[in-house]
Amino acid sequence: MTLKVTAKGFELPDYMEAHIESEFAKFDKFQVVFHSRNVFMKLEPGRQFIVEIAVNTSVGDIEASADEKELSDALNAAFARLERQIIKKKEKPLAHRSELNERDKENFLKEEEASAEAAADEAIAVESAK
């Protein structure tokens, strides 16, 4: 899982890359595997920041972008859009109206069961090691 941060037209503050990494850490709750993560930030003439996030995940390729007057506002808006898209892509096979995706739904449920069993086995192993 690689993180590539690119800033064009301005100097990226030192703390910003750590902030971006912590924002991506919040997506662990969705149990989505990130294969690559690209964040592109650009300062337009007129002090308008544009942030584009492109990720390759286990649920597919997702892109989110936002433009604001402040860099932090643009980052927050882009990450909020990314979160909504991840939720949408992850839960769409489970939707009532997607009966054509029954196979995807079954595979998704099997993966969820397997990950839950693995977590339970790991917890038992940790307890027995104590």
Protein backbone atom coordinates (compact mmCIF):
# COMPACT_ATOMS: atom_id res chain seq x y z
CA MET A 1 0.00 0.00 0.00
CA THR A 2 1.81 3.04 -1.27
CA LEU A 3 1.05 6.66 -0.56
CA LYS A 4 2.06 9.25 -3.10
CA VAL A 5 1.47 12.90 -2.21
CA THR A 6 2.07 15.55 -4.88
CA ALA A 7 1.81 19.30 -4.40
CA LYS A 8 1.93 21.70 -7.33
CA GLY A 9 2.18 25.46 -7.06
CA PHE A 10 2.96 25.59 -3.34
CA GLU A 11 5.22 24.07 -0.69
CA LEU A 12 3.55 21.25 1.23
CA PRO A 13 3.81 21.77 5.02
CA ASP A 14 5.76 19.06 6.87
CA TYR A 15 2.83 17.95 9.00
CA MET A 16 0.46 17.55 6.03
CA GLU A 17 1.71 14.12 4.92
CA ALA A 18 1.23 12.74 8.44
CA HIS A 19 -2.26 14.28 8.49
CA ILE A 20 -3.10 12.58 5.18
CA GLU A 21 -1.82 9.25 6.52
CA SER A 22 -4.01 9.60 9.61
CA GLU A 23 -7.04 10.40 7.42
CA PHE A 24 -6.45 7.17 5.48
CA ALA A 25 -6.13 5.27 8.77
CA LYS A 26 -9.76 6.17 9.50
CA PHE A 27 -10.84 3.94 6.60
CA ASP A 28 -9.66 0.82 8.47
CA LYS A 29 -13.12 0.56 9.99
CA PHE A 30 -14.53 -0.29 6.53
CA GLN A 31 -12.16 -3.27 6.14
CA VAL A 32 -11.10 -2.14 2.69
CA VAL A 33 -7.60 -2.92 1.42
CA PHE A 34 -5.84 -0.02 -0.29
CA HIS A 35 -3.46 -1.16 -3.03
CA SER A 36 -2.34 2.35 -3.99
CA ARG A 37 -3.19 5.82 -2.74
CA ASN A 38 -2.47 9.02 -4.68
CA VAL A 39 -3.17 12.51 -3.38
CA PHE A 40 -2.64 15.42 -5.77
CA MET A 41 -2.91 18.98 -4.48
CA LYS A 42 -2.75 22.08 -6.65
CA LEU A 43 -2.93 25.81 -5.98
CA GLU A 44 -4.83 27.65 -8.69
CA PRO A 45 -4.28 31.33 -9.35
CA GLY A 46 -6.68 33.21 -7.13
CA ARG A 47 -5.83 31.12 -4.03
CA GLN A 48 -8.09 28.15 -4.81
CA PHE A 49 -6.79 24.75 -3.63
CA ILE A 50 -7.77 21.67 -5.60
CA VAL A 51 -7.33 18.25 -3.98
CA GLU A 52 -7.75 15.03 -5.95
CA ILE A 53 -7.56 11.59 -4.34
CA ALA A 54 -7.29 8.45 -6.45
CA VAL A 55 -7.18 5.06 -4.76
CA ASN A 56 -7.09 1.48 -5.94
CA THR A 57 -8.92 -0.66 -3.37
CA SER A 58 -10.33 -4.13 -2.94
CA VAL A 59 -13.76 -2.74 -3.95
CA GLY A 60 -12.46 -1.00 -7.09
CA ASP A 61 -10.88 2.23 -8.25
CA ILE A 62 -12.25 5.34 -6.57
CA GLU A 63 -11.58 9.02 -7.24
CA ALA A 64 -12.65 12.00 -5.17
CA SER A 65 -11.87 15.69 -5.56
CA ALA A 66 -12.70 19.00 -3.93
CA ASP A 67 -11.75 22.64 -4.28
CA GLU A 68 -11.78 25.19 -1.49
CA LYS A 69 -10.07 28.40 -0.43
CA GLU A 70 -8.12 26.63 2.35
CA LEU A 71 -6.02 23.49 1.90
CA SER A 72 -7.36 21.80 5.03
CA ASP A 73 -10.97 22.42 3.97
CA ALA A 74 -10.27 20.95 0.53
CA LEU A 75 -8.62 17.87 2.07
CA ASN A 76 -11.51 17.32 4.47
CA ALA A 77 -14.07 17.67 1.67
CA ALA A 78 -12.18 15.25 -0.59
CA PHE A 79 -11.83 12.67 2.19
CA ALA A 80 -15.54 13.00 3.00
CA ARG A 81 -16.39 12.30 -0.65
CA LEU A 82 -13.98 9.37 -0.70
CA GLU A 83 -15.65 7.92 2.39
CA ARG A 84 -19.11 8.18 0.83
CA GLN A 85 -17.89 6.46 -2.33
CA ILE A 86 -16.22 3.64 -0.39
CA ILE A 87 -19.43 3.02 1.54
CA LYS A 88 -21.43 3.07 -1.68
CA LYS A 89 -19.10 0.63 -3.49
CA LYS A 90 -18.87 -1.69 -0.50
CA GLU A 91 -22.59 -1.89 0.24
CA LYS A 92 -24.01 -1.74 -3.27
CA PRO A 93 -23.86 -5.54 -3.76
CA LEU A 94 -25.96 -5.87 -0.60
CA ALA A 95 -28.67 -3.51 -1.83
CA HIS A 96 -32.18 -4.89 -2.24
CA ARG A 97 -32.51 -3.74 -5.83
CA SER A 98 -29.32 -5.41 -7.05
CA GLU A 99 -30.64 -8.94 -7.40
CA LEU A 100 -28.39 -9.44 -10.44
CA ASN A 101 -25.42 -9.23 -8.08
CA GLU A 102 -26.49 -12.19 -5.95
CA ARG A 103 -23.16 -13.95 -6.56
CA ASP A 104 -21.25 -10.83 -5.48
CA LYS A 105 -23.42 -10.61 -2.39
CA GLU A 106 -22.70 -14.22 -1.45
CA ASN A 107 -18.95 -13.77 -2.00
CA PHE A 108 -18.96 -10.59 0.06
CA LEU A 109 -20.75 -12.29 2.93
CA LYS A 110 -18.30 -15.22 2.80
CA GLU A 111 -15.35 -12.79 2.93
CA GLU A 112 -16.89 -10.99 5.90
CA GLU A 113 -17.43 -14.32 7.71
CA ALA A 114 -13.85 -15.41 7.00
CA SER A 115 -12.39 -12.15 8.25
CA ALA A 116 -14.53 -12.31 11.40
CA GLU A 117 -13.43 -15.91 12.04
CA ALA A 118 -9.77 -14.96 11.50
CA ALA A 119 -10.10 -12.09 13.96
CA ALA A 120 -11.70 -14.39 16.52
CA ASP A 121 -8.97 -17.01 16.06
CA GLU A 122 -6.31 -14.33 16.46
CA ALA A 123 -7.95 -13.07 19.67
CA ILE A 124 -8.03 -16.61 21.05
CA ALA A 125 -4.35 -17.09 20.17
CA VAL A 126 -3.44 -13.84 21.95
CA GLU A 127 -5.42 -14.86 25.04
CA SER A 128 -3.82 -18.30 25.18
CA ALA A 129 -0.35 -16.75 24.80
CA LYS A 130 -0.90 -14.70 27.96
